[in-house]
Protein backbone atom coordinates (compact mmCIF):
# COMPACT_ATOMS: atom_id res chain seq x y z
CA MET A 1 188.05 -96.68 185.42
CA LEU A 2 185.53 -95.80 182.74
CA GLU A 3 184.70 -99.28 181.50
CA ALA A 4 185.30 -102.86 182.65
CA ASP A 5 184.90 -106.27 181.05
CA ARG A 6 182.67 -109.04 182.46
CA ASP A 7 185.35 -110.04 184.96
CA GLY A 8 185.79 -106.48 186.25
CA ASN A 9 189.11 -105.90 184.49
CA PRO A 10 189.63 -102.35 183.24
CA VAL A 11 188.98 -101.96 179.52
CA GLN A 12 189.06 -98.17 179.44
CA ALA A 13 190.53 -95.79 182.02
CA PHE A 14 191.30 -92.11 182.26
CA THR A 15 193.87 -90.39 184.47
CA PRO A 16 193.97 -86.60 184.07
CA ASP A 17 197.38 -84.92 183.97
CA PHE A 18 197.02 -82.67 187.04
CA TYR A 19 194.92 -82.14 190.13
CA LEU A 20 194.63 -78.66 191.65
CA PRO A 21 193.58 -79.27 195.27
CA ALA A 22 192.94 -75.60 196.00
CA TYR A 23 190.26 -75.64 193.27
CA ASP A 24 189.27 -79.33 193.58
CA GLN A 25 189.83 -79.41 189.80
CA PHE A 26 191.43 -81.96 187.50
CA ILE A 27 193.26 -80.73 184.39
CA GLU A 28 193.88 -82.69 181.20
CA ILE A 29 196.23 -81.12 178.64
CA THR A 30 195.98 -82.18 175.04
CA THR A 31 198.37 -80.78 172.47
CA LEU A 32 198.28 -83.70 170.06
CA ASN A 33 196.44 -84.38 166.82
CA GLN A 34 192.69 -83.95 166.47
CA LYS A 35 191.95 -87.68 166.66
CA LEU A 36 193.48 -87.85 170.13
CA VAL A 37 191.79 -84.61 171.21
CA THR A 38 188.42 -86.12 170.30
CA LYS A 39 189.27 -89.28 172.25
CA LYS A 40 190.30 -87.29 175.35
CA ASN A 41 187.16 -85.15 175.16
CA ARG A 42 185.07 -88.32 175.01
CA LYS A 43 186.84 -89.74 178.06
CA ALA A 44 186.45 -86.47 180.01
CA ARG A 45 182.74 -86.37 179.13
CA ARG A 46 182.34 -89.98 180.24
CA LEU A 47 184.14 -89.25 183.52
CA ARG A 48 181.73 -86.34 184.16
CA GLU A 49 178.75 -88.58 183.40
CA GLN A 50 179.89 -91.35 185.76
CA HIS A 51 181.22 -89.08 188.51
CA SER A 52 179.24 -85.83 188.49
CA ASP A 53 181.11 -84.64 191.60
CA VAL A 54 184.47 -84.67 189.73
CA ALA A 55 185.45 -81.38 188.06
CA ILE A 56 187.69 -81.70 185.00
CA LYS A 57 188.90 -79.11 182.52
CA VAL A 58 190.49 -80.04 179.18
CA LEU A 59 193.13 -77.57 178.02
CA TYR A 60 193.84 -77.54 174.30
CA GLN A 61 197.02 -76.72 172.41
CA ARG A 62 196.03 -73.05 172.06
CA ASP A 63 195.45 -72.82 175.85
CA TYR A 64 198.83 -74.41 176.53
CA LEU A 65 200.63 -72.10 174.09
CA HIS A 66 198.91 -69.04 175.57
CA LEU A 67 200.10 -70.06 179.04
CA LEU A 68 203.67 -70.44 177.74
CA VAL A 69 203.55 -66.95 176.27
CA LYS A 70 201.82 -65.42 179.30
CA TYR A 71 204.44 -66.72 181.72
CA GLY A 72 207.43 -66.12 179.45
CA LEU A 73 208.27 -69.78 179.03
CA GLU A 74 208.38 -69.64 175.24
CA PRO A 75 209.46 -66.90 172.83
CA PRO A 76 206.18 -65.13 172.01
CA SER A 77 207.07 -63.93 168.48
CA GLN A 78 205.39 -66.35 166.10
CA MET A 79 202.95 -67.72 168.67
CA VAL A 80 201.44 -64.33 169.43
CA GLU A 81 201.10 -63.62 165.72
CA ARG A 82 199.40 -66.96 165.18
CA LEU A 83 197.30 -67.17 168.35
CA GLY A 84 196.72 -63.57 169.34
CA PRO A 85 197.43 -62.14 172.80
CA PRO A 86 197.08 -64.43 175.84
CA GLN A 87 193.53 -64.74 177.13
CA PRO A 88 192.46 -65.46 180.70
CA LEU A 89 191.71 -69.12 181.28
CA ASP A 90 188.33 -69.84 182.87
CA LEU A 91 188.66 -73.02 184.93
CA PHE A 92 184.99 -72.82 185.84
CA PRO A 93 183.01 -71.94 182.70
CA GLU A 94 179.29 -71.34 183.01
CA THR A 95 177.42 -74.63 182.55
CA PRO A 96 173.76 -75.57 183.03
CA GLU A 97 174.77 -77.55 186.14
CA ARG A 98 176.51 -74.55 187.70
CA ARG A 99 173.52 -72.30 186.98
CA ARG A 100 171.15 -74.77 188.71
CA SER A 101 173.38 -75.06 191.78
CA ALA A 102 173.77 -71.30 192.17
């Protein structure tokens, strides 16, 4: 729950799409329009602020399409032309918090 009303009822909540226990990492996939991407990013940022021990990674449409191509789940023809070759996905990008804890 990200926000509650005066009576403690949820007003805003966020449930990521996947949890990877081996990495202790939550994944949220967003392939929708920009308005919804912005909303999901805001919720993920709020989750990080309220629960600094929770790791969450937002995957965007391009990330999703690259994974489809990489693992042969989608014909690569027009996607590769449009997106370029698949790139490795960094689940743990360098952040100021990670630098301080290292």
